[in-house]
Amino acid sequence: MNASRLPPFFHALSRQAARALALAVACLGLGGPAMAAEPACPALLQHRFDRLQDEKPQSLCQYSGKVVLVVNTASFCGFTKQYEGLEALHAKYQSQGLVVLGFPANDFGSQEPGNNQAIAEFCENTFGVKFPMFSKTSVVGRDTNPLYRQLAEKTGETPRWNFHKYLIGRDGQTVRSYASGVDPKNPAFVKDIEKFLSTKL
């Protein structure tokens, strides 16, 4: 900030106080160079969910500008082995902007009966899951969480079983839906992820 443009009352301050005040003004973006804008949070990500491991609220807005893969998971399902492929996708493409989000649900076949602690221990000890997981929820029916309601509205498809997948583009608007039987290692599915990742905002 140019000192010659400071209001008169600045000059009554000590040099140290004036420097501190000028820095504060600049940090607030008043009169100083504009800071790089964060990606706007799309409506689809304007939700908060408790983290699985410690049940602390997390805003999905932190994933704005990323390609988001949303999966409803279960510990005792024939598709549970897909955890391995999901973690592999997370490890391979995280640096390019992919984030995998797991939402444990007991909606299908009562195949996720445990509490959050039991689910977290299973995911870590059995598959070494490191991608973000959230507290047990519902993805269909009367108690469907708001994110899944929006995903169903956008795609016209609701999960019919565990490990249904929704792929959200960086813009937070483009969404594709994939049935439970689509393996995370499926070449066509991986190609879609790479295509989404190649699209910049």
N, C-alpha and C. Protein backbone atom coordinates (compact mmCIF):
# COMPACT_ATOMS: atom_id res chain seq x y z
N MET A 1 0.84 -1.19 0.00
CA MET A 1 0.00 0.00 0.00
C MET A 1 0.88 1.24 0.00
N ASN A 2 0.56 2.26 -0.84
CA ASN A 2 1.33 3.49 -0.95
C ASN A 2 1.04 4.37 0.25
N ALA A 3 2.09 4.68 1.05
CA ALA A 3 1.90 5.46 2.28
C ALA A 3 1.34 6.84 1.99
N SER A 4 1.63 7.42 0.81
CA SER A 4 1.15 8.76 0.49
C SER A 4 -0.36 8.80 0.31
N ARG A 5 -0.97 7.64 0.14
CA ARG A 5 -2.41 7.58 -0.07
C ARG A 5 -3.17 7.24 1.21
N LEU A 6 -2.44 7.04 2.31
CA LEU A 6 -3.09 6.71 3.56
C LEU A 6 -3.90 7.89 4.07
N PRO A 7 -5.06 7.62 4.70
CA PRO A 7 -5.85 8.70 5.29
C PRO A 7 -5.04 9.44 6.34
N PRO A 8 -5.41 10.72 6.64
CA PRO A 8 -4.63 11.55 7.59
C PRO A 8 -4.43 10.92 8.95
N PHE A 9 -5.45 10.18 9.44
CA PHE A 9 -5.30 9.66 10.80
C PHE A 9 -4.20 8.62 10.91
N PHE A 10 -3.78 8.06 9.78
CA PHE A 10 -2.67 7.10 9.83
C PHE A 10 -1.39 7.75 10.35
N HIS A 11 -1.20 9.03 9.98
CA HIS A 11 0.06 9.70 10.31
C HIS A 11 0.18 9.99 11.80
N ALA A 12 -0.94 9.92 12.53
CA ALA A 12 -0.90 10.15 13.96
C ALA A 12 -0.47 8.89 14.71
N LEU A 13 -0.45 7.82 14.03
CA LEU A 13 -0.05 6.56 14.65
C LEU A 13 1.46 6.42 14.65
N SER A 14 1.95 5.63 15.55
CA SER A 14 3.37 5.31 15.53
C SER A 14 3.68 4.52 14.28
N ARG A 15 4.95 4.52 13.87
CA ARG A 15 5.34 3.79 12.67
C ARG A 15 4.98 2.32 12.79
N GLN A 16 5.20 1.72 13.94
CA GLN A 16 4.92 0.31 14.13
C GLN A 16 3.42 0.02 14.06
N ALA A 17 2.63 0.85 14.70
CA ALA A 17 1.18 0.66 14.68
C ALA A 17 0.62 0.85 13.28
N ALA A 18 1.16 1.85 12.57
CA ALA A 18 0.69 2.11 11.21
C ALA A 18 1.00 0.94 10.30
N ARG A 19 2.20 0.34 10.48
CA ARG A 19 2.57 -0.80 9.66
C ARG A 19 1.63 -1.98 9.92
N ALA A 20 1.31 -2.19 11.20
CA ALA A 20 0.42 -3.28 11.56
C ALA A 20 -0.98 -3.07 11.01
N LEU A 21 -1.45 -1.82 11.07
CA LEU A 21 -2.79 -1.53 10.58
C LEU A 21 -2.85 -1.65 9.06
N ALA A 22 -1.79 -1.19 8.38
CA ALA A 22 -1.75 -1.30 6.92
C ALA A 22 -1.75 -2.76 6.49
N LEU A 23 -1.02 -3.60 7.25
CA LEU A 23 -0.98 -5.02 6.93
C LEU A 23 -2.35 -5.64 7.10
N ALA A 24 -3.05 -5.25 8.16
CA ALA A 24 -4.39 -5.78 8.40
C ALA A 24 -5.34 -5.38 7.28
N VAL A 25 -5.24 -4.12 6.85
CA VAL A 25 -6.09 -3.64 5.76
C VAL A 25 -5.82 -4.42 4.48
N ALA A 26 -4.53 -4.66 4.20
CA ALA A 26 -4.17 -5.41 3.00
C ALA A 26 -4.69 -6.83 3.05
N CYS A 27 -4.62 -7.46 4.23
CA CYS A 27 -5.09 -8.83 4.38
C CYS A 27 -6.59 -8.94 4.16
N LEU A 28 -7.30 -7.85 4.50
CA LEU A 28 -8.74 -7.84 4.29
C LEU A 28 -9.09 -7.53 2.84
N GLY A 29 -8.09 -7.21 2.04
CA GLY A 29 -8.35 -6.93 0.64
C GLY A 29 -8.84 -5.52 0.39
N LEU A 30 -8.62 -4.59 1.37
CA LEU A 30 -9.07 -3.21 1.23
C LEU A 30 -7.93 -2.35 0.72
N GLY A 31 -7.97 -1.97 -0.53
CA GLY A 31 -6.96 -1.08 -1.07
C GLY A 31 -5.72 -1.80 -1.52
N GLY A 32 -5.59 -3.08 -1.23
CA GLY A 32 -4.40 -3.83 -1.63
C GLY A 32 -4.71 -4.70 -2.82
N PRO A 33 -3.70 -5.40 -3.34
CA PRO A 33 -3.93 -6.29 -4.47
C PRO A 33 -4.92 -7.39 -4.12
N ALA A 34 -5.78 -7.76 -5.03
CA ALA A 34 -6.76 -8.81 -4.79
C ALA A 34 -6.05 -10.15 -4.66
N MET A 35 -6.47 -10.92 -3.67
CA MET A 35 -5.89 -12.25 -3.48
C MET A 35 -6.53 -13.21 -4.48
N ALA A 36 -5.83 -14.29 -4.79
CA ALA A 36 -6.36 -15.27 -5.73
C ALA A 36 -7.66 -15.84 -5.21
N ALA A 37 -8.68 -15.85 -6.04
CA ALA A 37 -10.00 -16.28 -5.63
C ALA A 37 -10.07 -17.80 -5.49
N GLU A 38 -10.73 -18.25 -4.42
CA GLU A 38 -10.98 -19.67 -4.25
C GLU A 38 -12.12 -20.06 -5.19
N PRO A 39 -12.16 -21.32 -5.66
CA PRO A 39 -13.29 -21.73 -6.48
C PRO A 39 -14.59 -21.58 -5.69
N ALA A 40 -15.61 -21.03 -6.33
CA ALA A 40 -16.89 -20.87 -5.66
C ALA A 40 -17.45 -22.25 -5.32
N CYS A 41 -18.10 -22.35 -4.18
CA CYS A 41 -18.65 -23.63 -3.75
C CYS A 41 -19.98 -23.87 -4.46
N PRO A 42 -20.07 -24.89 -5.30
CA PRO A 42 -21.33 -25.17 -6.00
C PRO A 42 -22.39 -25.68 -5.02
N ALA A 43 -23.64 -25.51 -5.40
CA ALA A 43 -24.75 -25.89 -4.52
C ALA A 43 -24.68 -27.37 -4.13
N LEU A 44 -24.18 -28.19 -5.03
CA LEU A 44 -24.11 -29.62 -4.77
C LEU A 44 -23.19 -29.97 -3.61
N LEU A 45 -22.22 -29.10 -3.35
CA LEU A 45 -21.25 -29.37 -2.27
C LEU A 45 -21.50 -28.54 -1.02
N GLN A 46 -22.59 -27.81 -1.01
CA GLN A 46 -22.88 -26.97 0.15
C GLN A 46 -23.57 -27.78 1.25
N HIS A 47 -22.85 -28.75 1.75
CA HIS A 47 -23.35 -29.63 2.81
C HIS A 47 -22.23 -29.90 3.80
N ARG A 48 -22.62 -30.25 5.01
CA ARG A 48 -21.67 -30.64 6.05
C ARG A 48 -22.03 -32.04 6.55
N PHE A 49 -21.00 -32.86 6.70
CA PHE A 49 -21.20 -34.20 7.23
C PHE A 49 -20.11 -34.48 8.26
N ASP A 50 -20.44 -35.31 9.25
CA ASP A 50 -19.45 -35.67 10.26
C ASP A 50 -18.45 -36.66 9.68
N ARG A 51 -17.17 -36.43 9.98
CA ARG A 51 -16.13 -37.35 9.55
C ARG A 51 -16.28 -38.67 10.29
N LEU A 52 -16.04 -39.78 9.62
CA LEU A 52 -16.26 -41.10 10.20
C LEU A 52 -15.40 -41.34 11.44
N GLN A 53 -14.12 -40.99 11.34
CA GLN A 53 -13.18 -41.37 12.40
C GLN A 53 -13.44 -40.66 13.73
N ASP A 54 -13.80 -39.38 13.69
CA ASP A 54 -13.95 -38.63 14.94
C ASP A 54 -15.27 -37.86 15.04
N GLU A 55 -16.13 -38.01 14.02
CA GLU A 55 -17.45 -37.38 13.99
C GLU A 55 -17.38 -35.86 14.08
N LYS A 56 -16.30 -35.29 13.59
CA LYS A 56 -16.20 -33.82 13.53
C LYS A 56 -16.80 -33.34 12.21
N PRO A 57 -17.62 -32.28 12.25
CA PRO A 57 -18.28 -31.80 11.04
C PRO A 57 -17.26 -31.34 9.98
N GLN A 58 -17.53 -31.71 8.75
CA GLN A 58 -16.68 -31.34 7.63
C GLN A 58 -17.55 -30.74 6.52
N SER A 59 -17.08 -29.63 5.96
CA SER A 59 -17.79 -29.01 4.84
C SER A 59 -17.30 -29.61 3.53
N LEU A 60 -18.22 -29.99 2.67
CA LEU A 60 -17.84 -30.51 1.36
C LEU A 60 -17.34 -29.40 0.45
N CYS A 61 -17.52 -28.15 0.85
CA CYS A 61 -17.01 -27.03 0.05
C CYS A 61 -15.49 -27.09 -0.08
N GLN A 62 -14.83 -27.79 0.82
CA GLN A 62 -13.37 -27.91 0.74
C GLN A 62 -12.94 -28.67 -0.52
N TYR A 63 -13.89 -29.33 -1.17
CA TYR A 63 -13.58 -30.09 -2.39
C TYR A 63 -14.01 -29.35 -3.66
N SER A 64 -14.35 -28.07 -3.53
CA SER A 64 -14.71 -27.27 -4.70
C SER A 64 -13.56 -27.25 -5.70
N GLY A 65 -13.87 -27.38 -6.97
CA GLY A 65 -12.85 -27.37 -8.01
C GLY A 65 -12.19 -28.71 -8.24
N LYS A 66 -12.57 -29.71 -7.46
CA LYS A 66 -12.02 -31.07 -7.63
C LYS A 66 -13.03 -31.96 -8.35
N VAL A 67 -12.54 -33.07 -8.84
CA VAL A 67 -13.42 -34.12 -9.36
C VAL A 67 -13.75 -35.01 -8.17
N VAL A 68 -15.04 -35.17 -7.88
CA VAL A 68 -15.48 -35.86 -6.67
C VAL A 68 -16.19 -37.16 -7.03
N LEU A 69 -15.71 -38.25 -6.47
CA LEU A 69 -16.34 -39.55 -6.65
C LEU A 69 -17.03 -39.92 -5.34
N VAL A 70 -18.36 -39.99 -5.38
CA VAL A 70 -19.18 -40.25 -4.20
C VAL A 70 -19.67 -41.70 -4.24
N VAL A 71 -19.42 -42.43 -3.16
CA VAL A 71 -19.75 -43.87 -3.13
C VAL A 71 -20.44 -44.22 -1.81
N ASN A 72 -21.57 -44.92 -1.87
CA ASN A 72 -22.18 -45.45 -0.65
C ASN A 72 -21.60 -46.84 -0.39
N THR A 73 -21.02 -47.00 0.77
CA THR A 73 -20.23 -48.19 1.07
C THR A 73 -20.90 -49.09 2.12
N ALA A 74 -20.41 -50.31 2.22
CA ALA A 74 -20.88 -51.25 3.23
C ALA A 74 -19.78 -52.27 3.49
N SER A 75 -19.71 -52.74 4.73
CA SER A 75 -18.61 -53.62 5.15
C SER A 75 -18.82 -55.09 4.82
N PHE A 76 -20.09 -55.50 4.63
CA PHE A 76 -20.37 -56.93 4.46
C PHE A 76 -21.19 -57.16 3.19
N CYS A 77 -20.65 -56.69 2.09
CA CYS A 77 -21.33 -56.75 0.80
C CYS A 77 -20.43 -57.49 -0.19
N GLY A 78 -21.04 -58.06 -1.20
CA GLY A 78 -20.25 -58.71 -2.23
C GLY A 78 -19.35 -57.75 -2.97
N PHE A 79 -19.69 -56.46 -2.91
CA PHE A 79 -18.87 -55.45 -3.59
C PHE A 79 -17.87 -54.77 -2.64
N THR A 80 -17.81 -55.22 -1.39
CA THR A 80 -16.94 -54.57 -0.42
C THR A 80 -15.49 -54.55 -0.87
N LYS A 81 -15.09 -55.55 -1.64
CA LYS A 81 -13.72 -55.59 -2.15
C LYS A 81 -13.41 -54.38 -3.04
N GLN A 82 -14.43 -53.65 -3.49
CA GLN A 82 -14.19 -52.46 -4.29
C GLN A 82 -13.46 -51.36 -3.51
N TYR A 83 -13.45 -51.47 -2.18
CA TYR A 83 -12.67 -50.53 -1.37
C TYR A 83 -11.23 -50.47 -1.88
N GLU A 84 -10.71 -51.63 -2.24
CA GLU A 84 -9.32 -51.69 -2.71
C GLU A 84 -9.13 -50.86 -3.97
N GLY A 85 -10.04 -51.00 -4.92
CA GLY A 85 -9.95 -50.23 -6.16
C GLY A 85 -10.19 -48.75 -5.94
N LEU A 86 -11.09 -48.41 -5.03
CA LEU A 86 -11.35 -47.00 -4.73
C LEU A 86 -10.13 -46.34 -4.10
N GLU A 87 -9.47 -47.07 -3.19
CA GLU A 87 -8.26 -46.53 -2.57
C GLU A 87 -7.15 -46.38 -3.60
N ALA A 88 -7.08 -47.30 -4.56
CA ALA A 88 -6.08 -47.21 -5.63
C ALA A 88 -6.33 -45.97 -6.50
N LEU A 89 -7.59 -45.69 -6.80
CA LEU A 89 -7.92 -44.47 -7.56
C LEU A 89 -7.51 -43.23 -6.78
N HIS A 90 -7.82 -43.24 -5.49
CA HIS A 90 -7.46 -42.12 -4.62
C HIS A 90 -5.95 -41.88 -4.64
N ALA A 91 -5.18 -42.95 -4.50
CA ALA A 91 -3.72 -42.83 -4.45
C ALA A 91 -3.15 -42.35 -5.79
N LYS A 92 -3.71 -42.84 -6.89
CA LYS A 92 -3.15 -42.53 -8.20
C LYS A 92 -3.52 -41.12 -8.69
N TYR A 93 -4.75 -40.69 -8.42
CA TYR A 93 -5.24 -39.46 -9.04
C TYR A 93 -5.44 -38.30 -8.07
N GLN A 94 -5.16 -38.51 -6.80
CA GLN A 94 -5.35 -37.43 -5.82
C GLN A 94 -4.59 -36.17 -6.20
N SER A 95 -3.36 -36.35 -6.64
CA SER A 95 -2.52 -35.19 -6.98
C SER A 95 -3.05 -34.43 -8.20
N GLN A 96 -3.90 -35.09 -8.99
CA GLN A 96 -4.47 -34.45 -10.17
C GLN A 96 -5.83 -33.80 -9.88
N GLY A 97 -6.31 -34.00 -8.65
CA GLY A 97 -7.55 -33.32 -8.28
C GLY A 97 -8.74 -34.22 -8.03
N LEU A 98 -8.52 -35.55 -7.93
CA LEU A 98 -9.62 -36.45 -7.61
C LEU A 98 -9.74 -36.64 -6.10
N VAL A 99 -10.96 -36.63 -5.61
CA VAL A 99 -11.21 -37.00 -4.22
C VAL A 99 -12.34 -38.02 -4.19
N VAL A 100 -12.12 -39.12 -3.48
CA VAL A 100 -13.13 -40.15 -3.29
C VAL A 100 -13.78 -39.93 -1.93
N LEU A 101 -15.10 -39.89 -1.88
CA LEU A 101 -15.82 -39.69 -0.63
C LEU A 101 -16.70 -40.91 -0.36
N GLY A 102 -16.49 -41.55 0.79
CA GLY A 102 -17.26 -42.73 1.15
C GLY A 102 -18.35 -42.41 2.16
N PHE A 103 -19.56 -42.92 1.88
CA PHE A 103 -20.70 -42.71 2.77
C PHE A 103 -21.27 -44.08 3.17
N PRO A 104 -20.84 -44.62 4.31
CA PRO A 104 -21.37 -45.92 4.77
C PRO A 104 -22.88 -45.83 4.98
N ALA A 105 -23.59 -46.86 4.54
CA ALA A 105 -25.05 -46.88 4.70
C ALA A 105 -25.51 -48.32 4.90
N ASN A 106 -26.56 -48.44 5.69
CA ASN A 106 -27.11 -49.76 5.99
C ASN A 106 -28.43 -49.98 5.25
N ASP A 107 -28.59 -49.30 4.12
CA ASP A 107 -29.86 -49.30 3.40
C ASP A 107 -30.14 -50.59 2.64
N PHE A 108 -29.10 -51.33 2.28
CA PHE A 108 -29.28 -52.49 1.41
C PHE A 108 -28.80 -53.76 2.10
N GLY A 109 -29.74 -54.64 2.37
CA GLY A 109 -29.38 -55.94 2.93
C GLY A 109 -28.82 -55.89 4.34
N SER A 110 -28.96 -54.75 5.03
CA SER A 110 -28.40 -54.60 6.39
C SER A 110 -26.94 -55.01 6.42
N GLN A 111 -26.19 -54.57 5.41
CA GLN A 111 -24.80 -55.00 5.26
C GLN A 111 -23.79 -54.00 5.85
N GLU A 112 -24.31 -53.01 6.58
CA GLU A 112 -23.44 -52.08 7.32
C GLU A 112 -24.04 -51.88 8.71
N PRO A 113 -24.05 -52.94 9.53
CA PRO A 113 -24.75 -52.88 10.82
C PRO A 113 -23.98 -52.17 11.93
N GLY A 114 -22.67 -52.03 11.78
CA GLY A 114 -21.85 -51.50 12.87
C GLY A 114 -21.97 -50.00 13.07
N ASN A 115 -21.37 -49.52 14.18
CA ASN A 115 -21.34 -48.08 14.42
C ASN A 115 -20.14 -47.46 13.70
N ASN A 116 -20.01 -46.16 13.83
CA ASN A 116 -18.95 -45.46 13.10
C ASN A 116 -17.56 -45.98 13.45
N GLN A 117 -17.32 -46.25 14.72
CA GLN A 117 -16.00 -46.74 15.13
C GLN A 117 -15.69 -48.08 14.49
N ALA A 118 -16.67 -48.98 14.49
CA ALA A 118 -16.46 -50.30 13.90
C ALA A 118 -16.20 -50.20 12.40
N ILE A 119 -16.94 -49.31 11.74
CA ILE A 119 -16.76 -49.13 10.30
C ILE A 119 -15.37 -48.57 10.00
N ALA A 120 -14.95 -47.57 10.78
CA ALA A 120 -13.65 -46.96 10.58
C ALA A 120 -12.53 -47.97 10.76
N GLU A 121 -12.63 -48.79 11.79
CA GLU A 121 -11.60 -49.80 12.04
C GLU A 121 -11.56 -50.83 10.92
N PHE A 122 -12.72 -51.23 10.44
CA PHE A 122 -12.78 -52.21 9.35
C PHE A 122 -12.12 -51.65 8.09
N CYS A 123 -12.46 -50.42 7.74
CA CYS A 123 -11.92 -49.81 6.52
C CYS A 123 -10.40 -49.68 6.58
N GLU A 124 -9.91 -49.24 7.73
CA GLU A 124 -8.47 -49.03 7.86
C GLU A 124 -7.71 -50.35 7.96
N ASN A 125 -8.21 -51.27 8.78
CA ASN A 125 -7.48 -52.51 9.03
C ASN A 125 -7.57 -53.50 7.88
N THR A 126 -8.68 -53.48 7.14
CA THR A 126 -8.88 -54.46 6.08
C THR A 126 -8.38 -53.97 4.73
N PHE A 127 -8.61 -52.69 4.45
CA PHE A 127 -8.28 -52.17 3.12
C PHE A 127 -7.33 -50.97 3.14
N GLY A 128 -6.94 -50.52 4.32
CA GLY A 128 -6.04 -49.37 4.40
C GLY A 128 -6.62 -48.12 3.78
N VAL A 129 -7.92 -47.91 3.97
CA VAL A 129 -8.60 -46.78 3.34
C VAL A 129 -8.08 -45.45 3.91
N LYS A 130 -7.68 -44.57 3.01
CA LYS A 130 -7.20 -43.25 3.41
C LYS A 130 -8.05 -42.12 2.83
N PHE A 131 -8.91 -42.45 1.86
CA PHE A 131 -9.76 -41.38 1.32
C PHE A 131 -10.83 -41.00 2.34
N PRO A 132 -11.39 -39.80 2.25
CA PRO A 132 -12.34 -39.32 3.26
C PRO A 132 -13.58 -40.20 3.36
N MET A 133 -13.93 -40.54 4.58
CA MET A 133 -15.14 -41.32 4.88
C MET A 133 -15.97 -40.52 5.88
N PHE A 134 -17.27 -40.65 5.74
CA PHE A 134 -18.17 -39.90 6.60
C PHE A 134 -19.05 -40.83 7.43
N SER A 135 -19.69 -40.26 8.43
CA SER A 135 -20.49 -41.06 9.34
C SER A 135 -21.61 -41.79 8.61
N LYS A 136 -22.02 -42.87 9.21
CA LYS A 136 -23.09 -43.72 8.67
C LYS A 136 -24.32 -42.87 8.36
N THR A 137 -24.92 -43.14 7.21
CA THR A 137 -26.00 -42.28 6.74
C THR A 137 -27.02 -43.12 5.99
N SER A 138 -28.00 -42.45 5.37
CA SER A 138 -28.96 -43.12 4.49
C SER A 138 -28.87 -42.47 3.11
N VAL A 139 -28.93 -43.30 2.08
CA VAL A 139 -28.78 -42.78 0.71
C VAL A 139 -30.02 -43.01 -0.14
N VAL A 140 -31.01 -43.68 0.43
CA VAL A 140 -32.30 -43.87 -0.24
C VAL A 140 -33.42 -43.77 0.80
N GLY A 141 -34.64 -43.57 0.32
CA GLY A 141 -35.78 -43.58 1.22
C GLY A 141 -36.02 -42.26 1.92
N ARG A 142 -36.86 -42.32 2.94
CA ARG A 142 -37.31 -41.12 3.64
C ARG A 142 -36.17 -40.35 4.29
N ASP A 143 -35.14 -41.07 4.75
CA ASP A 143 -34.04 -40.43 5.48
C ASP A 143 -32.82 -40.13 4.62
N THR A 144 -32.99 -40.15 3.31
CA THR A 144 -31.88 -39.87 2.40
C THR A 144 -31.20 -38.55 2.77
N ASN A 145 -29.88 -38.55 2.84
CA ASN A 145 -29.19 -37.30 3.18
C ASN A 145 -29.28 -36.31 2.01
N PRO A 146 -29.14 -35.02 2.28
CA PRO A 146 -29.39 -34.00 1.25
C PRO A 146 -28.48 -34.09 0.03
N LEU A 147 -27.24 -34.52 0.20
CA LEU A 147 -26.35 -34.67 -0.95
C LEU A 147 -26.91 -35.71 -1.91
N TYR A 148 -27.31 -36.85 -1.37
CA TYR A 148 -27.83 -37.93 -2.21
C TYR A 148 -29.17 -37.56 -2.85
N ARG A 149 -29.95 -36.73 -2.18
CA ARG A 149 -31.19 -36.24 -2.80
C ARG A 149 -30.87 -35.43 -4.06
N GLN A 150 -29.87 -34.55 -3.93
CA GLN A 150 -29.49 -33.73 -5.07
C GLN A 150 -28.88 -34.56 -6.19
N LEU A 151 -28.05 -35.52 -5.83
CA LEU A 151 -27.44 -36.38 -6.85
C LEU A 151 -28.51 -37.16 -7.61
N ALA A 152 -29.52 -37.65 -6.90
CA ALA A 152 -30.61 -38.38 -7.55
C ALA A 152 -31.40 -37.46 -8.48
N GLU A 153 -31.61 -36.23 -8.04
CA GLU A 153 -32.35 -35.26 -8.87
C GLU A 153 -31.58 -34.93 -10.13
N LYS A 154 -30.27 -34.79 -10.01
CA LYS A 154 -29.44 -34.41 -11.16
C LYS A 154 -29.31 -35.53 -12.19
N THR A 155 -29.24 -36.76 -11.71
CA THR A 155 -28.98 -37.89 -12.61
C THR A 155 -30.24 -38.69 -12.96
N GLY A 156 -31.28 -38.52 -12.15
CA GLY A 156 -32.47 -39.35 -12.34
C GLY A 156 -32.27 -40.78 -11.87
N GLU A 157 -31.18 -41.02 -11.14
CA GLU A 157 -30.87 -42.37 -10.67
C GLU A 157 -30.55 -42.35 -9.18
N THR A 158 -31.14 -43.30 -8.46
CA THR A 158 -30.81 -43.49 -7.04
C THR A 158 -30.05 -44.80 -6.89
N PRO A 159 -29.25 -44.92 -5.85
CA PRO A 159 -28.54 -46.20 -5.65
C PRO A 159 -29.53 -47.35 -5.48
N ARG A 160 -29.22 -48.46 -6.13
CA ARG A 160 -30.04 -49.66 -5.99
C ARG A 160 -29.36 -50.69 -5.10
N TRP A 161 -28.08 -50.42 -4.79
CA TRP A 161 -27.33 -51.32 -3.90
C TRP A 161 -26.10 -50.58 -3.41
N ASN A 162 -25.33 -51.24 -2.57
CA ASN A 162 -24.10 -50.66 -2.05
C ASN A 162 -23.09 -50.44 -3.18
N PHE A 163 -22.27 -49.43 -3.01
CA PHE A 163 -21.18 -49.10 -3.93
C PHE A 163 -21.67 -48.54 -5.28
N HIS A 164 -22.84 -47.91 -5.24
CA HIS A 164 -23.24 -47.08 -6.38
C HIS A 164 -22.29 -45.88 -6.41
N LYS A 165 -22.04 -45.36 -7.59
CA LYS A 165 -21.04 -44.30 -7.73
C LYS A 165 -21.60 -43.10 -8.49
N TYR A 166 -21.30 -41.92 -7.97
CA TYR A 166 -21.59 -40.67 -8.67
C TYR A 166 -20.27 -39.94 -8.89
N LEU A 167 -20.03 -39.52 -10.12
CA LEU A 167 -18.82 -38.78 -10.46
C LEU A 167 -19.21 -37.34 -10.76
N ILE A 168 -18.66 -36.41 -9.98
CA ILE A 168 -19.00 -34.99 -10.09
C ILE A 168 -17.83 -34.24 -10.70
N GLY A 169 -18.10 -33.45 -11.74
CA GLY A 169 -17.05 -32.68 -12.40
C GLY A 169 -16.56 -31.52 -11.57
N ARG A 170 -15.49 -30.92 -12.02
CA ARG A 170 -14.89 -29.79 -11.28
C ARG A 170 -15.85 -28.62 -11.12
N ASP A 171 -16.78 -28.49 -12.06
CA ASP A 171 -17.73 -27.38 -11.99
C ASP A 171 -18.83 -27.61 -10.97
N GLY A 172 -18.91 -28.81 -10.43
CA GLY A 172 -19.95 -29.11 -9.46
C GLY A 172 -21.32 -29.24 -10.08
N GLN A 173 -21.39 -29.26 -11.39
CA GLN A 173 -22.66 -29.35 -12.11
C GLN A 173 -22.79 -30.65 -12.90
N THR A 174 -21.69 -31.05 -13.52
CA THR A 174 -21.70 -32.26 -14.33
C THR A 174 -21.62 -33.49 -13.44
N VAL A 175 -22.60 -34.38 -13.56
CA VAL A 175 -22.64 -35.57 -12.71
C VAL A 175 -22.99 -36.79 -13.56
N ARG A 176 -22.25 -37.87 -13.36
CA ARG A 176 -22.56 -39.14 -13.99
C ARG A 176 -22.79 -40.19 -12.91
N SER A 177 -23.64 -41.13 -13.22
CA SER A 177 -24.03 -42.16 -12.27
C SER A 177 -23.59 -43.53 -12.78
N TYR A 178 -23.11 -44.37 -11.86
CA TYR A 178 -22.62 -45.70 -12.24
C TYR A 178 -23.18 -46.74 -11.27
N ALA A 179 -23.64 -47.84 -11.81
CA ALA A 179 -24.22 -48.90 -10.99
C ALA A 179 -23.15 -49.56 -10.11
N SER A 180 -23.61 -50.26 -9.10
CA SER A 180 -22.71 -50.91 -8.13
C SER A 180 -21.73 -51.87 -8.79
N GLY A 181 -22.17 -52.53 -9.85
CA GLY A 181 -21.33 -53.53 -10.50
C GLY A 181 -20.17 -52.96 -11.29
N VAL A 182 -20.14 -51.64 -11.48
CA VAL A 182 -19.02 -51.01 -12.20
C VAL A 182 -17.83 -50.96 -11.25
N ASP A 183 -16.84 -51.77 -11.55
CA ASP A 183 -15.65 -51.86 -10.70
C ASP A 183 -14.80 -50.60 -10.84
N PRO A 184 -14.19 -50.13 -9.75
CA PRO A 184 -13.32 -48.95 -9.84
C PRO A 184 -12.18 -49.09 -10.85
N LYS A 185 -11.82 -50.32 -11.18
CA LYS A 185 -10.73 -50.55 -12.14
C LYS A 185 -11.24 -50.72 -13.57
N ASN A 186 -12.54 -50.62 -13.75
CA ASN A 186 -13.13 -50.74 -15.09
C ASN A 186 -12.52 -49.70 -16.02
N PRO A 187 -11.95 -50.11 -17.16
CA PRO A 187 -11.25 -49.15 -18.05
C PRO A 187 -12.13 -47.98 -18.51
N ALA A 188 -13.39 -48.25 -18.81
CA ALA A 188 -14.27 -47.17 -19.26
C ALA A 188 -14.54 -46.19 -18.13
N PHE A 189 -14.68 -46.70 -16.92
CA PHE A 189 -14.90 -45.84 -15.76
C PHE A 189 -13.67 -44.99 -15.48
N VAL A 190 -12.50 -45.60 -15.52
CA VAL A 190 -11.25 -44.85 -15.31
C VAL A 190 -11.08 -43.79 -16.39
N LYS A 191 -11.46 -44.11 -17.60
CA LYS A 191 -11.36 -43.14 -18.71
C LYS A 191 -12.25 -41.93 -18.44
N ASP A 192 -13.44 -42.17 -17.90
CA ASP A 192 -14.33 -41.05 -17.55
C ASP A 192 -13.70 -40.17 -16.47
N ILE A 193 -13.08 -40.80 -15.48
CA ILE A 193 -12.41 -40.03 -14.42
C ILE A 193 -11.31 -39.16 -15.02
N GLU A 194 -10.51 -39.74 -15.88
CA GLU A 194 -9.40 -39.00 -16.49
C GLU A 194 -9.93 -37.85 -17.36
N LYS A 195 -11.05 -38.08 -18.03
CA LYS A 195 -11.65 -37.02 -18.84
C LYS A 195 -12.12 -35.88 -17.95
N PHE A 196 -12.75 -36.20 -16.83
CA PHE A 196 -13.19 -35.17 -15.89
C PHE A 196 -11.99 -34.41 -15.34
N LEU A 197 -10.92 -35.13 -15.03
CA LEU A 197 -9.73 -34.49 -14.48
C LEU A 197 -9.07 -33.55 -15.48
N SER A 198 -9.18 -33.86 -16.75
CA SER A 198 -8.54 -33.04 -17.80
C SER A 198 -9.29 -31.75 -18.06
N THR A 199 -10.52 -31.66 -17.57
CA THR A 199 -11.33 -30.45 -17.75
C THR A 199 -10.99 -29.46 -16.66
N LYS A 200 -10.51 -28.31 -17.04
CA LYS A 200 -10.15 -27.28 -16.07
C LYS A 200 -11.24 -26.24 -15.95
N LEU A 201 -11.33 -25.63 -14.79
CA LEU A 201 -12.31 -24.57 -14.58
C LEU A 201 -11.90 -23.30 -15.31
